[in-house]
Amino acid sequence: MKKLSTGIITAIMLTVVLAGCANGSAVSPEWKSAKLDAKILKGQQDFGWNLLKKLYSASPGKNIILSPVSVSFAVSCALEGASGDTLSQMKNVMGFGDAGLAAIHTNIGYLMYALLNRDPDTVLSIANSLWVMKGDTLQKEYEKNVKTFYNAETAVINPDDPGMVGRINSWVDAATKGMIKSIIEQIPGGLSVLILNAVYFKGAWVKPFPEVMTADLPFTCFDKTKKTVKMMYMQAKLPYYEEKEFQSVMMDYGKEKFAMVVVLPAMGSDMSAFVSSFGADKWNKLLSGMVIEKCEMGMPRFTAESDIDLKETMSALGMPAAFAGGFDKMVDGENLFISKIKQKAKIVVNEKGSEASAVTAIHITKTAVEPPQKLFRMICDRPFLYAIIDRETGTLLFMGVMGNP
């Protein structure tokens, strides 16, 4: 057996050397000697798993697709404008702990640039934008930092312009390559700042599923009913790990910098209990324990979409203060609230590879509003977990639960 070599947060610090950004902009001087702090990266994994578990416990038996990294980039942009309990609660929920804002921005901003430059054989784009209500003015320090660390665009919202909603949604459509068409239906009352993050990924499998092997086979859904699905199939040497409770494989994209990890619970497992048992520590044990094995792998083609209001979830995770106030470092003369955190996400998985996108929107308003060799056989013919990860840092780009393809 060949031990899988990964760089999944095994060192105290990880250094990333960059020549420039995928969008053509130069790396800022602040990051010439930047390092990615393993503690902050581990915190990001903790946040991703906490978010998935909270969402699945609220809607058991439903497909979930989300992008933890998109939420992280959007919240990090908002973080710069916060203070007091709002700031400390947001830092704890996001896994930043007691790290200072400079360390957070350096690490999260640099992570964004690192991901964009990771693999020329896959397509990854990340975009941030701030839409500011006409008449409001971003504080100079706030605007400088979100532009410097997150390459955020800024634009003015004119509520009297009938084409304003269309322009915001056009930005979303372009940033997600057409996978997500819109994020808002109208300009909310009291809105001061709209923070948007968009993440788009497209990668071809290093070892694709032969299309001639795809067949109609039964899949047992969350509710134990069976349906016929297009089951993809292959035999290949893949990174593999198993315990009594599950099997898992890793399937690489492009130049093996990004990968999908699929985790199949043992037959008869309760999916809610299985999801709740996972976390960053168990996840990293799984990744570091993988070895190259000959596998018989089956997985359904699937498409999943989500439209999730994250306000109650993020509050329950430990940042209720953000929805009451504390954003006094964002707009001149205003102490603002988060009135809404929303994410739309979509993923398409087939024989050739995967395409996924997500948009996270944070509404910052002036008034509080209501919440809106040995052959291992792993045939995913029942609900399973999956995640698209950056292999070097362990960053969770997309993750989800699939139980009804």
Protein backbone atom coordinates (compact mmCIF):
# COMPACT_ATOMS: atom_id res chain seq x y z
CA MET A 1 0.00 0.00 0.00
CA LYS A 2 1.27 3.44 -0.88
CA LYS A 3 0.79 6.09 1.81
CA LEU A 4 -1.03 9.17 0.57
CA SER A 5 1.07 12.29 0.83
CA THR A 6 -0.90 15.39 1.75
CA GLY A 7 -0.18 18.76 3.28
CA ILE A 8 -3.37 18.83 5.36
CA ILE A 9 -2.43 21.00 8.31
CA THR A 10 0.34 18.85 9.74
CA ALA A 11 2.87 21.63 10.29
CA ILE A 12 2.75 24.59 12.62
CA MET A 13 2.94 27.04 9.72
CA LEU A 14 2.45 26.61 5.98
CA THR A 15 4.22 28.93 3.59
CA VAL A 16 2.70 29.77 0.21
CA VAL A 17 4.77 31.39 -2.53
CA LEU A 18 2.83 33.30 -5.15
CA ALA A 19 3.78 35.08 -8.31
CA GLY A 20 0.48 36.92 -8.78
CA CYS A 21 -3.27 36.64 -8.71
CA ALA A 22 -5.40 34.67 -11.13
CA ASN A 23 -7.31 37.83 -11.96
CA GLY A 24 -4.10 39.58 -12.97
CA SER A 25 -3.68 41.88 -9.98
CA ALA A 26 -0.34 41.94 -8.20
CA VAL A 27 0.20 40.46 -4.77
CA SER A 28 0.11 43.20 -2.17
CA PRO A 29 3.38 44.06 -0.35
CA GLU A 30 1.85 42.99 2.99
CA TRP A 31 2.00 39.38 1.86
CA LYS A 32 5.56 39.10 0.59
CA SER A 33 6.48 36.98 3.60
CA ALA A 34 2.97 35.82 4.42
CA LYS A 35 2.38 32.49 6.09
CA LEU A 36 -0.81 30.58 6.56
CA ASP A 37 -1.30 29.90 10.26
CA ALA A 38 -2.32 26.27 10.80
CA LYS A 39 -4.41 27.30 13.83
CA ILE A 40 -6.53 29.65 11.71
CA LEU A 41 -6.83 27.07 8.91
CA LYS A 42 -7.93 24.44 11.46
CA GLY A 43 -10.47 26.96 12.75
CA GLN A 44 -11.85 27.31 9.25
CA GLN A 45 -12.35 23.55 9.06
CA ASP A 46 -14.09 23.59 12.46
CA PHE A 47 -16.42 26.31 11.20
CA GLY A 48 -17.25 24.37 8.01
CA TRP A 49 -18.19 21.22 9.91
CA ASN A 50 -20.10 23.14 12.59
CA LEU A 51 -22.09 24.89 9.85
CA LEU A 52 -22.89 21.66 7.98
CA LYS A 53 -23.95 19.88 11.18
CA LYS A 54 -26.18 22.75 12.25
CA LEU A 55 -27.85 22.96 8.84
CA TYR A 56 -28.40 19.21 8.54
CA SER A 57 -29.78 18.91 12.08
CA ALA A 58 -32.31 21.62 11.16
CA SER A 59 -33.30 19.85 7.91
CA PRO A 60 -32.55 16.13 8.26
CA GLY A 61 -33.27 13.99 5.24
CA LYS A 62 -32.61 16.75 2.74
CA ASN A 63 -29.77 17.29 0.27
CA ILE A 64 -27.35 20.00 1.35
CA ILE A 65 -24.74 21.87 -0.66
CA LEU A 66 -22.84 24.80 0.81
CA SER A 67 -19.54 26.65 0.52
CA PRO A 68 -17.93 27.29 3.93
CA VAL A 69 -15.12 29.25 2.31
CA SER A 70 -17.60 31.63 0.65
CA VAL A 71 -19.21 32.37 4.03
CA SER A 72 -15.75 32.84 5.50
CA PHE A 73 -14.65 35.39 2.89
CA ALA A 74 -17.91 37.35 3.18
CA VAL A 75 -17.88 37.35 6.99
CA SER A 76 -14.21 38.35 7.03
CA CYS A 77 -15.11 41.42 4.98
CA ALA A 78 -17.81 42.27 7.53
CA LEU A 79 -15.49 41.52 10.44
CA GLU A 80 -13.31 44.53 9.64
CA GLY A 81 -16.26 46.83 10.40
CA ALA A 82 -17.15 45.26 13.76
CA SER A 83 -16.13 45.95 17.35
CA GLY A 84 -16.85 44.82 20.92
CA ASP A 85 -18.92 41.70 21.56
CA THR A 86 -19.94 41.57 17.90
CA LEU A 87 -16.30 41.27 16.83
CA SER A 88 -15.32 38.71 19.46
CA GLN A 89 -18.36 36.51 18.82
CA MET A 90 -17.83 36.56 15.06
CA LYS A 91 -14.16 35.64 15.48
CA ASN A 92 -15.03 32.68 17.71
CA VAL A 93 -17.73 31.34 15.36
CA MET A 94 -15.42 31.62 12.35
CA GLY A 95 -12.65 29.73 14.16
CA PHE A 96 -10.31 32.72 14.48
CA GLY A 97 -10.17 32.57 18.28
CA ASP A 98 -8.08 35.34 19.78
CA ALA A 99 -6.23 36.20 16.56
CA GLY A 100 -5.98 39.92 15.82
CA LEU A 101 -7.62 41.48 12.78
CA ALA A 102 -4.27 41.92 11.03
CA ALA A 103 -3.51 38.19 11.38
CA ILE A 104 -7.02 37.23 10.25
CA HIS A 105 -6.94 39.43 7.17
CA THR A 106 -3.41 38.38 6.24
CA ASN A 107 -4.29 34.69 6.52
CA ILE A 108 -7.77 34.71 4.96
CA GLY A 109 -6.82 37.22 2.27
CA TYR A 110 -3.66 35.31 1.45
CA LEU A 111 -5.56 32.02 1.42
CA MET A 112 -7.82 33.50 -1.25
CA TYR A 113 -4.83 34.40 -3.42
CA ALA A 114 -3.21 31.02 -2.80
CA LEU A 115 -6.33 29.16 -3.89
CA LEU A 116 -6.62 31.25 -7.04
CA ASN A 117 -3.07 30.31 -8.03
CA ARG A 118 -3.18 26.67 -6.99
CA ASP A 119 -3.88 24.74 -10.21
CA PRO A 120 -3.92 26.00 -13.82
CA ASP A 121 -5.75 22.84 -14.91
CA THR A 122 -8.84 23.68 -12.88
CA VAL A 123 -10.99 26.80 -12.95
CA LEU A 124 -11.40 28.57 -9.62
CA SER A 125 -12.59 32.13 -9.31
CA ILE A 126 -13.34 34.09 -6.14
CA ALA A 127 -14.88 37.56 -6.19
CA ASN A 128 -15.87 40.00 -3.45
CA SER A 129 -17.95 43.14 -3.81
CA LEU A 130 -19.43 45.79 -1.52
CA TRP A 131 -22.54 47.65 -2.60
CA VAL A 132 -23.02 50.84 -0.59
CA MET A 133 -26.29 52.74 -0.34
CA LYS A 134 -26.27 56.15 -2.02
CA GLY A 135 -25.66 58.78 0.66
CA ASP A 136 -23.64 56.43 2.92
CA THR A 137 -19.84 56.59 3.00
CA LEU A 138 -17.54 53.72 3.91
CA GLN A 139 -14.97 54.61 6.53
CA LYS A 140 -11.60 55.08 4.83
CA GLU A 141 -9.76 52.45 6.89
CA TYR A 142 -12.50 49.89 6.34
CA GLU A 143 -12.61 50.43 2.58
CA LYS A 144 -8.83 50.32 2.32
CA ASN A 145 -8.55 47.00 4.16
CA VAL A 146 -11.31 45.13 2.31
CA LYS A 147 -9.82 46.25 -0.98
CA THR A 148 -6.26 45.40 0.05
CA PHE A 149 -6.85 41.98 1.56
CA TYR A 150 -9.92 40.76 -0.35
CA ASN A 151 -9.64 42.64 -3.64
CA ALA A 152 -13.21 43.78 -3.07
CA GLU A 153 -14.94 45.91 -5.68
CA THR A 154 -17.18 48.74 -4.46
CA ALA A 155 -20.31 50.12 -6.11
CA VAL A 156 -23.11 52.50 -5.19
CA ILE A 157 -26.71 51.36 -4.70
CA ASN A 158 -29.20 53.88 -6.07
CA PRO A 159 -32.59 52.78 -4.68
CA ASP A 160 -34.39 55.00 -7.18
CA ASP A 161 -32.80 53.21 -10.15
CA PRO A 162 -35.23 50.53 -11.44
CA GLY A 163 -32.30 48.60 -12.92
CA MET A 164 -30.35 48.39 -9.66
CA VAL A 165 -31.46 44.90 -8.64
CA GLY A 166 -30.68 43.68 -12.14
CA ARG A 167 -27.13 45.08 -11.95
CA ILE A 168 -26.45 43.38 -8.62
CA ASN A 169 -27.79 40.08 -9.92
CA SER A 170 -25.78 40.48 -13.14
CA TRP A 171 -22.63 40.63 -11.01
CA VAL A 172 -23.71 37.37 -9.34
CA ASP A 173 -24.48 35.73 -12.69
CA ALA A 174 -21.09 36.70 -14.14
CA ALA A 175 -19.12 35.75 -11.02
CA THR A 176 -20.67 32.27 -10.93
CA LYS A 177 -20.39 31.66 -14.71
CA GLY A 178 -24.17 31.55 -14.96
CA MET A 179 -24.70 28.84 -12.35
CA ILE A 180 -26.48 31.24 -9.98
CA LYS A 181 -28.61 33.92 -11.61
CA SER A 182 -29.66 36.07 -8.66
CA ILE A 183 -29.25 36.71 -4.94
CA ILE A 184 -31.79 39.49 -4.24
CA GLU A 185 -35.30 40.30 -5.46
CA GLN A 186 -35.47 43.89 -4.22
CA ILE A 187 -33.43 46.50 -2.36
CA PRO A 188 -34.30 45.92 1.32
CA GLY A 189 -35.45 48.85 3.39
CA GLY A 190 -32.78 50.28 5.68
CA LEU A 191 -29.96 48.61 3.75
CA SER A 192 -26.61 50.37 4.11
CA VAL A 193 -24.05 47.85 2.78
CA LEU A 194 -24.49 44.62 0.81
CA ILE A 195 -21.45 42.33 0.99
CA LEU A 196 -21.22 39.66 -1.72
CA ASN A 197 -18.79 36.81 -2.18
CA ALA A 198 -18.90 34.42 -5.13
CA VAL A 199 -16.90 31.21 -5.54
CA TYR A 200 -16.85 29.19 -8.76
CA PHE A 201 -15.04 25.87 -9.32
CA LYS A 202 -14.76 23.59 -12.32
CA GLY A 203 -12.44 20.62 -12.47
CA ALA A 204 -12.01 17.49 -14.57
CA TRP A 205 -11.27 14.22 -12.81
CA VAL A 206 -7.71 12.95 -13.10
CA LYS A 207 -9.34 9.52 -13.41
CA PRO A 208 -12.76 10.04 -15.02
CA PHE A 209 -15.60 7.56 -14.81
CA PRO A 210 -15.91 5.74 -18.18
CA GLU A 211 -19.28 6.81 -19.57
CA VAL A 212 -19.87 3.33 -21.04
CA MET A 213 -19.89 1.96 -17.48
CA THR A 214 -22.70 4.25 -16.27
CA ALA A 215 -25.86 2.24 -15.69
CA ASP A 216 -29.36 2.58 -14.26
CA LEU A 217 -29.16 1.21 -10.71
CA PRO A 218 -31.18 1.58 -7.51
CA PHE A 219 -30.32 4.20 -4.88
CA THR A 220 -31.74 4.12 -1.35
CA CYS A 221 -32.83 7.64 -0.38
CA PHE A 222 -32.95 9.31 3.03
CA ASP A 223 -36.47 7.97 3.67
CA LYS A 224 -35.45 4.40 2.70
CA THR A 225 -37.39 4.53 -0.55
CA LYS A 226 -35.55 3.43 -3.67
CA LYS A 227 -35.15 5.27 -6.97
CA THR A 228 -33.29 4.51 -10.17
CA VAL A 229 -30.23 6.69 -10.79
CA LYS A 230 -27.44 6.96 -13.34
CA MET A 231 -24.71 5.20 -11.35
CA MET A 232 -21.17 6.02 -12.53
CA TYR A 233 -18.62 3.25 -12.04
CA MET A 234 -14.89 2.67 -12.29
CA GLN A 235 -12.04 0.54 -11.00
CA ALA A 236 -8.95 2.58 -10.20
CA LYS A 237 -6.17 3.10 -7.68
CA LEU A 238 -7.41 5.86 -5.41
CA PRO A 239 -6.61 7.26 -1.98
CA TYR A 240 -8.80 5.18 0.34
CA TYR A 241 -9.58 5.01 4.07
CA GLU A 242 -12.10 3.07 6.07
CA GLU A 243 -13.29 2.57 9.61
CA LYS A 244 -16.07 0.39 10.96
CA GLU A 245 -18.53 3.26 10.55
CA PHE A 246 -17.63 4.35 6.99
CA GLN A 247 -15.56 4.12 3.80
CA SER A 248 -13.99 7.07 2.00
CA VAL A 249 -12.15 7.81 -1.23
CA MET A 250 -10.45 10.87 -2.68
CA MET A 251 -10.76 11.72 -6.38
CA ASP A 252 -8.38 14.34 -7.72
CA TYR A 253 -8.96 17.10 -10.23
CA GLY A 254 -6.46 18.68 -12.63
CA LYS A 255 -2.94 18.62 -11.25
CA GLU A 256 -4.06 16.93 -8.01
CA LYS A 257 -4.24 20.18 -6.04
CA PHE A 258 -8.01 20.01 -5.54
CA ALA A 259 -10.00 16.86 -4.83
CA MET A 260 -13.41 15.53 -3.93
CA VAL A 261 -13.58 13.34 -0.86
CA VAL A 262 -16.60 11.04 -0.65
CA VAL A 263 -17.57 9.47 2.68
CA LEU A 264 -20.04 6.57 2.62
CA PRO A 265 -21.57 5.58 6.00
CA ALA A 266 -21.90 1.89 6.79
CA MET A 267 -25.10 0.17 5.75
CA GLY A 268 -27.93 0.94 8.15
CA SER A 269 -26.32 4.09 9.59
CA ASP A 270 -28.47 6.93 10.85
CA MET A 271 -27.41 9.88 8.69
CA SER A 272 -28.20 12.52 11.33
CA ALA A 273 -26.05 10.77 13.93
CA PHE A 274 -23.31 10.17 11.37
CA VAL A 275 -23.11 13.82 10.29
CA SER A 276 -23.14 15.02 13.91
CA SER A 277 -20.22 12.70 14.74
CA PHE A 278 -17.94 14.42 12.25
CA GLY A 279 -15.66 17.38 12.84
CA ALA A 280 -12.26 18.75 11.81
CA ASP A 281 -10.27 16.29 13.96
CA LYS A 282 -12.03 13.23 12.56
CA TRP A 283 -11.86 14.72 9.06
CA ASN A 284 -8.09 15.24 9.26
CA LYS A 285 -7.60 11.74 10.67
CA LEU A 286 -9.46 10.44 7.62
CA LEU A 287 -7.37 12.49 5.19
CA SER A 288 -4.02 11.65 6.78
CA GLY A 289 -4.93 7.96 6.99
CA MET A 290 -5.63 7.53 3.30
CA VAL A 291 -3.50 5.11 1.29
CA ILE A 292 -3.54 4.30 -2.42
CA GLU A 293 -5.67 1.21 -2.95
CA LYS A 294 -7.38 -0.45 -5.87
CA CYS A 295 -11.04 0.51 -5.55
CA GLU A 296 -14.28 -0.37 -7.20
CA MET A 297 -16.05 2.98 -7.03
CA GLY A 298 -19.65 3.77 -7.83
CA MET A 299 -21.36 7.12 -7.40
CA PRO A 300 -24.51 8.60 -8.91
CA ARG A 301 -24.44 11.54 -11.25
CA PHE A 302 -26.03 14.33 -9.31
CA THR A 303 -26.98 17.98 -9.28
CA ALA A 304 -27.79 19.77 -6.03
CA GLU A 305 -28.89 23.31 -5.31
CA SER A 306 -29.54 25.22 -2.12
CA ASP A 307 -30.93 28.57 -1.03
CA ILE A 308 -30.14 28.95 2.68
CA ASP A 309 -30.89 31.72 5.15
CA LEU A 310 -27.96 31.52 7.57
CA LYS A 311 -29.04 34.18 10.07
CA GLU A 312 -30.51 31.85 12.70
CA THR A 313 -27.77 29.27 12.13
CA MET A 314 -24.92 31.76 12.58
CA SER A 315 -26.62 33.23 15.63
CA ALA A 316 -27.03 29.76 17.15
CA LEU A 317 -23.37 29.01 16.47
CA GLY A 318 -22.49 31.90 18.77
CA MET A 319 -22.65 35.35 17.16
CA PRO A 320 -26.06 36.81 18.10
CA ALA A 321 -24.55 40.25 18.80
CA ALA A 322 -23.88 40.75 15.08
CA PHE A 323 -27.64 40.76 14.45
CA ALA A 324 -28.22 43.46 17.05
CA GLY A 325 -25.41 45.91 16.27
CA GLY A 326 -21.70 46.44 16.68
CA PHE A 327 -20.71 47.48 13.14
CA ASP A 328 -19.53 50.98 13.97
CA LYS A 329 -16.31 50.82 11.93
CA MET A 330 -17.90 50.38 8.51
CA VAL A 331 -19.95 53.43 7.53
CA ASP A 332 -19.39 56.99 8.74
CA GLY A 333 -21.80 57.98 11.51
CA GLU A 334 -23.65 54.64 11.64
CA ASN A 335 -23.74 51.67 14.02
CA LEU A 336 -25.10 48.93 11.79
CA PHE A 337 -26.64 45.44 12.10
CA ILE A 338 -26.46 42.26 10.05
CA SER A 339 -30.07 41.73 9.00
CA LYS A 340 -29.49 38.76 6.71
CA ILE A 341 -26.87 36.21 5.71
CA LYS A 342 -27.91 34.17 2.71
CA GLN A 343 -26.11 31.63 0.55
CA LYS A 344 -27.11 30.09 -2.75
CA ALA A 345 -25.04 27.16 -3.98
CA LYS A 346 -25.10 24.61 -6.80
CA ILE A 347 -23.02 21.58 -7.74
CA VAL A 348 -23.04 19.31 -10.80
CA VAL A 349 -21.12 16.00 -10.67
CA ASN A 350 -20.77 13.70 -13.67
CA GLU A 351 -18.36 11.29 -15.37
CA LYS A 352 -15.98 14.06 -16.48
CA GLY A 353 -15.69 16.08 -13.28
CA SER A 354 -17.48 18.65 -11.14
CA GLU A 355 -18.74 22.20 -11.45
CA ALA A 356 -19.83 24.14 -8.38
CA SER A 357 -20.60 27.68 -7.40
CA ALA A 358 -21.85 29.64 -4.41
CA VAL A 359 -22.80 33.20 -3.57
CA THR A 360 -22.95 34.52 -0.02
CA ALA A 361 -24.74 37.79 0.68
CA ILE A 362 -24.55 39.72 3.95
CA HIS A 363 -27.08 42.53 4.40
CA ILE A 364 -25.81 45.28 6.69
CA THR A 365 -28.68 47.59 7.64
CA LYS A 366 -29.38 50.68 9.69
CA THR A 367 -32.39 49.19 11.45
CA ALA A 368 -33.08 45.75 12.84
CA VAL A 369 -35.44 43.66 10.70
CA GLU A 370 -37.24 40.33 11.23
CA PRO A 371 -35.36 37.08 10.42
CA PRO A 372 -36.20 35.93 7.18
CA GLN A 373 -4.61 -4.35 -4.41
CA LYS A 374 -7.09 -5.66 -2.28
CA LEU A 375 -10.19 -4.54 -4.04
CA PHE A 376 -12.30 -2.29 -1.87
CA ARG A 377 -15.86 -1.92 -3.05
CA MET A 378 -17.55 1.40 -2.34
CA ILE A 379 -20.85 1.86 -4.14
CA CYS A 380 -22.63 5.04 -3.05
CA ASP A 381 -26.14 3.67 -3.41
CA ARG A 382 -27.34 5.36 -0.22
CA PRO A 383 -26.88 8.79 1.41
CA PHE A 384 -23.28 10.02 1.59
CA LEU A 385 -21.14 13.00 2.51
CA TYR A 386 -18.88 14.81 0.05
CA ALA A 387 -16.50 17.76 0.02
CA ILE A 388 -14.32 19.56 -2.53
CA ILE A 389 -11.09 20.52 -0.79
CA ASP A 390 -7.79 22.26 -1.37
CA ARG A 391 -5.32 19.47 -0.63
CA GLU A 392 -2.53 21.76 0.52
CA THR A 393 -4.42 23.59 3.26
CA GLY A 394 -7.44 21.38 3.80
CA THR A 395 -9.75 24.29 2.98
CA LEU A 396 -13.35 23.17 2.45
CA LEU A 397 -14.43 24.83 -0.79
CA PHE A 398 -17.75 23.00 -1.01
CA MET A 399 -19.32 20.28 1.13
CA GLY A 400 -22.64 18.56 1.35
CA VAL A 401 -24.87 15.58 2.02
CA MET A 402 -26.46 13.71 -0.88
CA GLY A 403 -29.35 11.36 -0.27
CA ASN A 404 -31.73 12.01 -3.14
CA PRO A 405 -29.86 12.36 -6.46
